[in-house]
């Protein structure tokens, strides 16, 4: 995964993928990765519901299951705002 993405770019990608149901399998992932950290942020902020995150495996391995994850109304609003920001940057 690219480490040069901003948190907003990473969050936009995660929210977009959750909205489209693109997480079809459970993953084992580095808990320090941008993907895991940003997903944790999205769950804590109430943007995603139904996500299962487990960082108790070890310091270098976590579980992430977004197969049942859905955007909350706050998540849909945040995704729309992030998409608008991206659209504005492109012009």
N, C-alpha and C. Protein backbone atom coordinates (compact mmCIF):
# COMPACT_ATOMS: atom_id res chain seq x y z
N UNK A 1 0.84 -1.18 0.00
CA UNK A 1 0.00 0.00 0.00
C UNK A 1 0.88 1.24 0.00
N UNK A 2 0.49 2.22 -0.74
CA UNK A 2 1.25 3.47 -0.80
C UNK A 2 1.18 4.18 0.54
N UNK A 3 2.32 4.65 1.00
CA UNK A 3 2.34 5.34 2.28
C UNK A 3 2.23 6.85 2.11
N UNK A 4 2.17 7.32 0.87
CA UNK A 4 2.12 8.74 0.63
C UNK A 4 0.70 9.27 0.47
N UNK A 5 -0.30 8.45 0.68
CA UNK A 5 -1.68 8.91 0.62
C UNK A 5 -2.01 9.69 1.89
N UNK A 6 -2.76 10.77 1.74
CA UNK A 6 -3.22 11.49 2.92
C UNK A 6 -4.29 10.65 3.61
N UNK A 7 -4.57 10.98 4.88
CA UNK A 7 -5.61 10.23 5.58
C UNK A 7 -6.96 10.43 4.89
N UNK A 8 -7.22 11.62 4.35
CA UNK A 8 -8.48 11.85 3.64
C UNK A 8 -8.58 10.97 2.40
N UNK A 9 -7.47 10.83 1.66
CA UNK A 9 -7.47 9.97 0.46
C UNK A 9 -7.71 8.52 0.85
N UNK A 10 -7.03 8.08 1.90
CA UNK A 10 -7.19 6.70 2.38
C UNK A 10 -8.62 6.48 2.86
N UNK A 11 -9.16 7.45 3.60
CA UNK A 11 -10.52 7.34 4.13
C UNK A 11 -11.54 7.31 2.99
N UNK A 12 -11.34 8.15 1.99
CA UNK A 12 -12.25 8.16 0.83
C UNK A 12 -12.26 6.79 0.16
N UNK A 13 -11.09 6.20 -0.01
CA UNK A 13 -10.99 4.88 -0.63
C UNK A 13 -11.68 3.80 0.18
N UNK A 14 -11.48 3.81 1.50
CA UNK A 14 -12.10 2.81 2.36
C UNK A 14 -13.61 2.96 2.36
N UNK A 15 -14.09 4.19 2.55
CA UNK A 15 -15.53 4.42 2.59
C UNK A 15 -16.17 4.05 1.25
N UNK A 16 -15.50 4.39 0.17
CA UNK A 16 -16.01 4.05 -1.16
C UNK A 16 -16.07 2.53 -1.35
N UNK A 17 -15.02 1.84 -0.94
CA UNK A 17 -14.99 0.38 -1.08
C UNK A 17 -16.04 -0.29 -0.20
N UNK A 18 -16.25 0.22 1.02
CA UNK A 18 -17.29 -0.33 1.89
C UNK A 18 -18.66 -0.10 1.26
N UNK A 19 -18.88 1.10 0.74
CA UNK A 19 -20.18 1.42 0.11
C UNK A 19 -20.47 0.49 -1.06
N UNK A 20 -19.44 0.07 -1.79
CA UNK A 20 -19.62 -0.81 -2.95
C UNK A 20 -19.49 -2.29 -2.60
N UNK A 21 -19.28 -2.60 -1.31
CA UNK A 21 -19.17 -4.00 -0.89
C UNK A 21 -17.95 -4.70 -1.45
N UNK A 22 -16.85 -4.00 -1.56
CA UNK A 22 -15.65 -4.58 -2.19
C UNK A 22 -14.80 -5.42 -1.25
N UNK A 23 -15.12 -5.43 0.04
CA UNK A 23 -14.37 -6.27 0.99
C UNK A 23 -15.12 -7.58 1.13
N UNK A 24 -14.71 -8.58 0.38
CA UNK A 24 -15.44 -9.85 0.36
C UNK A 24 -14.82 -10.92 1.24
N UNK A 25 -13.64 -10.65 1.78
CA UNK A 25 -12.98 -11.63 2.65
C UNK A 25 -12.38 -10.92 3.86
N UNK A 26 -12.19 -11.72 4.89
CA UNK A 26 -11.50 -11.24 6.09
C UNK A 26 -10.01 -11.17 5.78
N UNK A 27 -9.32 -10.20 6.37
CA UNK A 27 -7.89 -10.03 6.09
C UNK A 27 -7.07 -10.06 7.37
N UNK A 28 -5.85 -10.54 7.25
CA UNK A 28 -4.86 -10.35 8.30
C UNK A 28 -3.94 -9.26 7.79
N UNK A 29 -3.67 -8.30 8.65
CA UNK A 29 -3.01 -7.08 8.20
C UNK A 29 -2.12 -6.53 9.32
N UNK A 30 -1.13 -5.77 8.94
CA UNK A 30 -0.26 -5.10 9.90
C UNK A 30 -1.08 -4.01 10.60
N UNK A 31 -1.15 -4.03 11.93
CA UNK A 31 -1.95 -3.02 12.63
C UNK A 31 -1.38 -1.61 12.52
N UNK A 32 -0.16 -1.48 12.04
CA UNK A 32 0.44 -0.17 11.84
C UNK A 32 0.21 0.38 10.43
N UNK A 33 -0.43 -0.41 9.58
CA UNK A 33 -0.65 0.01 8.19
C UNK A 33 -1.67 1.14 8.11
N UNK A 34 -1.56 1.93 7.07
CA UNK A 34 -2.52 3.02 6.84
C UNK A 34 -3.94 2.47 6.74
N UNK A 35 -4.11 1.34 6.07
CA UNK A 35 -5.44 0.76 5.89
C UNK A 35 -6.08 0.43 7.25
N UNK A 36 -5.34 -0.26 8.11
CA UNK A 36 -5.89 -0.63 9.41
C UNK A 36 -6.13 0.59 10.28
N UNK A 37 -5.17 1.49 10.32
CA UNK A 37 -5.30 2.69 11.17
C UNK A 37 -6.47 3.57 10.72
N UNK A 38 -6.62 3.75 9.42
CA UNK A 38 -7.71 4.59 8.92
C UNK A 38 -9.06 3.91 9.11
N UNK A 39 -9.10 2.60 8.95
CA UNK A 39 -10.35 1.87 9.19
C UNK A 39 -10.73 1.97 10.66
N UNK A 40 -9.76 1.85 11.55
CA UNK A 40 -10.02 2.00 12.98
C UNK A 40 -10.59 3.39 13.27
N UNK A 41 -10.00 4.41 12.66
CA UNK A 41 -10.50 5.79 12.81
C UNK A 41 -11.95 5.89 12.34
N UNK A 42 -12.25 5.30 11.19
CA UNK A 42 -13.60 5.37 10.63
C UNK A 42 -14.62 4.69 11.55
N UNK A 43 -14.23 3.59 12.16
CA UNK A 43 -15.12 2.89 13.09
C UNK A 43 -15.32 3.74 14.35
N UNK A 44 -14.22 4.27 14.90
CA UNK A 44 -14.31 5.08 16.11
C UNK A 44 -15.13 6.35 15.90
N UNK A 45 -15.07 6.90 14.69
CA UNK A 45 -15.81 8.13 14.38
C UNK A 45 -17.27 7.85 13.98
N UNK A 46 -17.64 6.57 13.95
CA UNK A 46 -19.02 6.22 13.62
C UNK A 46 -19.36 6.34 12.15
N UNK A 47 -18.35 6.20 11.28
CA UNK A 47 -18.57 6.28 9.83
C UNK A 47 -18.91 4.93 9.22
N UNK A 48 -18.48 3.86 9.90
CA UNK A 48 -18.70 2.48 9.44
C UNK A 48 -19.30 1.68 10.58
N UNK A 49 -20.30 0.86 10.26
CA UNK A 49 -20.85 -0.08 11.24
C UNK A 49 -20.68 -1.49 10.71
N UNK A 50 -20.60 -2.45 11.60
CA UNK A 50 -20.48 -3.85 11.21
C UNK A 50 -19.06 -4.31 10.92
N UNK A 51 -18.08 -3.44 11.12
CA UNK A 51 -16.69 -3.83 10.91
C UNK A 51 -16.19 -4.59 12.13
N UNK A 52 -15.35 -5.58 11.89
CA UNK A 52 -14.74 -6.34 12.98
C UNK A 52 -13.23 -6.17 12.88
N UNK A 53 -12.68 -5.47 13.85
CA UNK A 53 -11.23 -5.24 13.89
C UNK A 53 -10.68 -5.89 15.15
N UNK A 54 -9.60 -6.62 15.00
CA UNK A 54 -9.00 -7.32 16.14
C UNK A 54 -7.49 -7.16 16.08
N UNK A 55 -6.96 -6.36 16.98
CA UNK A 55 -5.51 -6.16 17.01
C UNK A 55 -4.86 -6.94 18.14
N UNK A 56 -5.55 -7.94 18.66
CA UNK A 56 -5.02 -8.71 19.79
C UNK A 56 -4.14 -9.89 19.38
N UNK A 57 -4.01 -10.15 18.07
CA UNK A 57 -3.18 -11.28 17.62
C UNK A 57 -1.74 -11.11 18.08
N UNK A 58 -1.14 -10.03 17.66
CA UNK A 58 0.24 -9.72 18.02
C UNK A 58 0.51 -8.28 17.62
N UNK A 59 1.70 -7.81 17.90
CA UNK A 59 2.03 -6.43 17.53
C UNK A 59 2.21 -6.26 16.03
N UNK A 60 2.38 -7.37 15.32
CA UNK A 60 2.61 -7.26 13.88
C UNK A 60 1.48 -7.84 13.01
N UNK A 61 0.41 -8.32 13.65
CA UNK A 61 -0.67 -8.93 12.89
C UNK A 61 -2.02 -8.63 13.54
N UNK A 62 -2.95 -8.15 12.73
CA UNK A 62 -4.30 -7.85 13.20
C UNK A 62 -5.30 -8.46 12.23
N UNK A 63 -6.52 -8.63 12.70
CA UNK A 63 -7.59 -9.12 11.84
C UNK A 63 -8.51 -7.98 11.46
N UNK A 64 -8.95 -7.98 10.22
CA UNK A 64 -9.86 -6.95 9.74
C UNK A 64 -10.92 -7.63 8.88
N UNK A 65 -12.17 -7.53 9.32
CA UNK A 65 -13.28 -8.15 8.59
C UNK A 65 -14.31 -7.06 8.28
N UNK A 66 -14.36 -6.68 7.01
CA UNK A 66 -15.30 -5.66 6.57
C UNK A 66 -16.37 -6.25 5.66
N UNK A 67 -16.52 -7.58 5.71
CA UNK A 67 -17.49 -8.23 4.83
C UNK A 67 -18.92 -7.82 5.13
N UNK A 68 -19.22 -7.48 6.38
CA UNK A 68 -20.57 -7.05 6.76
C UNK A 68 -20.63 -5.55 7.04
N UNK A 69 -19.55 -4.86 6.76
CA UNK A 69 -19.49 -3.42 7.06
C UNK A 69 -20.40 -2.62 6.14
N UNK A 70 -20.99 -1.60 6.71
CA UNK A 70 -21.86 -0.67 5.96
C UNK A 70 -21.56 0.74 6.42
N UNK A 71 -21.79 1.70 5.54
CA UNK A 71 -21.63 3.09 5.93
C UNK A 71 -22.82 3.53 6.77
N UNK A 72 -22.53 4.30 7.80
CA UNK A 72 -23.59 4.94 8.56
C UNK A 72 -24.02 6.19 7.78
N UNK A 73 -25.04 6.88 8.25
CA UNK A 73 -25.43 8.12 7.57
C UNK A 73 -24.29 9.13 7.66
N UNK A 74 -23.57 9.13 8.78
CA UNK A 74 -22.40 10.02 8.91
C UNK A 74 -21.32 9.61 7.91
N UNK A 75 -21.16 8.31 7.70
CA UNK A 75 -20.17 7.82 6.73
C UNK A 75 -20.53 8.20 5.31
N UNK A 76 -21.81 8.14 4.98
CA UNK A 76 -22.26 8.55 3.64
C UNK A 76 -22.02 10.03 3.43
N UNK A 77 -22.30 10.83 4.47
CA UNK A 77 -22.08 12.28 4.37
C UNK A 77 -20.59 12.60 4.24
N UNK A 78 -19.76 11.89 5.00
CA UNK A 78 -18.31 12.11 4.93
C UNK A 78 -17.78 11.71 3.56
N UNK A 79 -18.24 10.59 3.03
CA UNK A 79 -17.81 10.16 1.70
C UNK A 79 -18.21 11.20 0.65
N UNK A 80 -19.43 11.71 0.73
CA UNK A 80 -19.88 12.74 -0.22
C UNK A 80 -19.00 13.98 -0.12
N UNK A 81 -18.66 14.38 1.10
CA UNK A 81 -17.80 15.56 1.29
C UNK A 81 -16.41 15.31 0.74
N UNK A 82 -15.86 14.12 0.98
CA UNK A 82 -14.53 13.79 0.46
C UNK A 82 -14.53 13.72 -1.06
N UNK A 83 -15.59 13.20 -1.64
CA UNK A 83 -15.69 13.14 -3.10
C UNK A 83 -15.80 14.55 -3.68
N UNK A 84 -16.51 15.43 -3.01
CA UNK A 84 -16.62 16.82 -3.46
C UNK A 84 -15.27 17.51 -3.41
N UNK A 85 -14.52 17.27 -2.33
CA UNK A 85 -13.18 17.85 -2.19
C UNK A 85 -12.28 17.36 -3.31
N UNK A 86 -12.35 16.06 -3.61
CA UNK A 86 -11.54 15.49 -4.69
C UNK A 86 -11.94 16.11 -6.02
N UNK A 87 -13.22 16.27 -6.24
CA UNK A 87 -13.72 16.86 -7.48
C UNK A 87 -13.24 18.30 -7.62
N UNK A 88 -13.23 19.03 -6.52
CA UNK A 88 -12.77 20.42 -6.54
C UNK A 88 -11.28 20.50 -6.84
N UNK A 89 -10.48 19.56 -6.28
CA UNK A 89 -9.04 19.54 -6.52
C UNK A 89 -8.73 19.30 -7.99
N UNK A 90 -9.57 18.49 -8.66
CA UNK A 90 -9.31 18.13 -10.04
C UNK A 90 -9.57 19.27 -11.01
N UNK A 91 -10.27 20.30 -10.59
CA UNK A 91 -10.60 21.40 -11.50
C UNK A 91 -9.83 22.65 -11.20
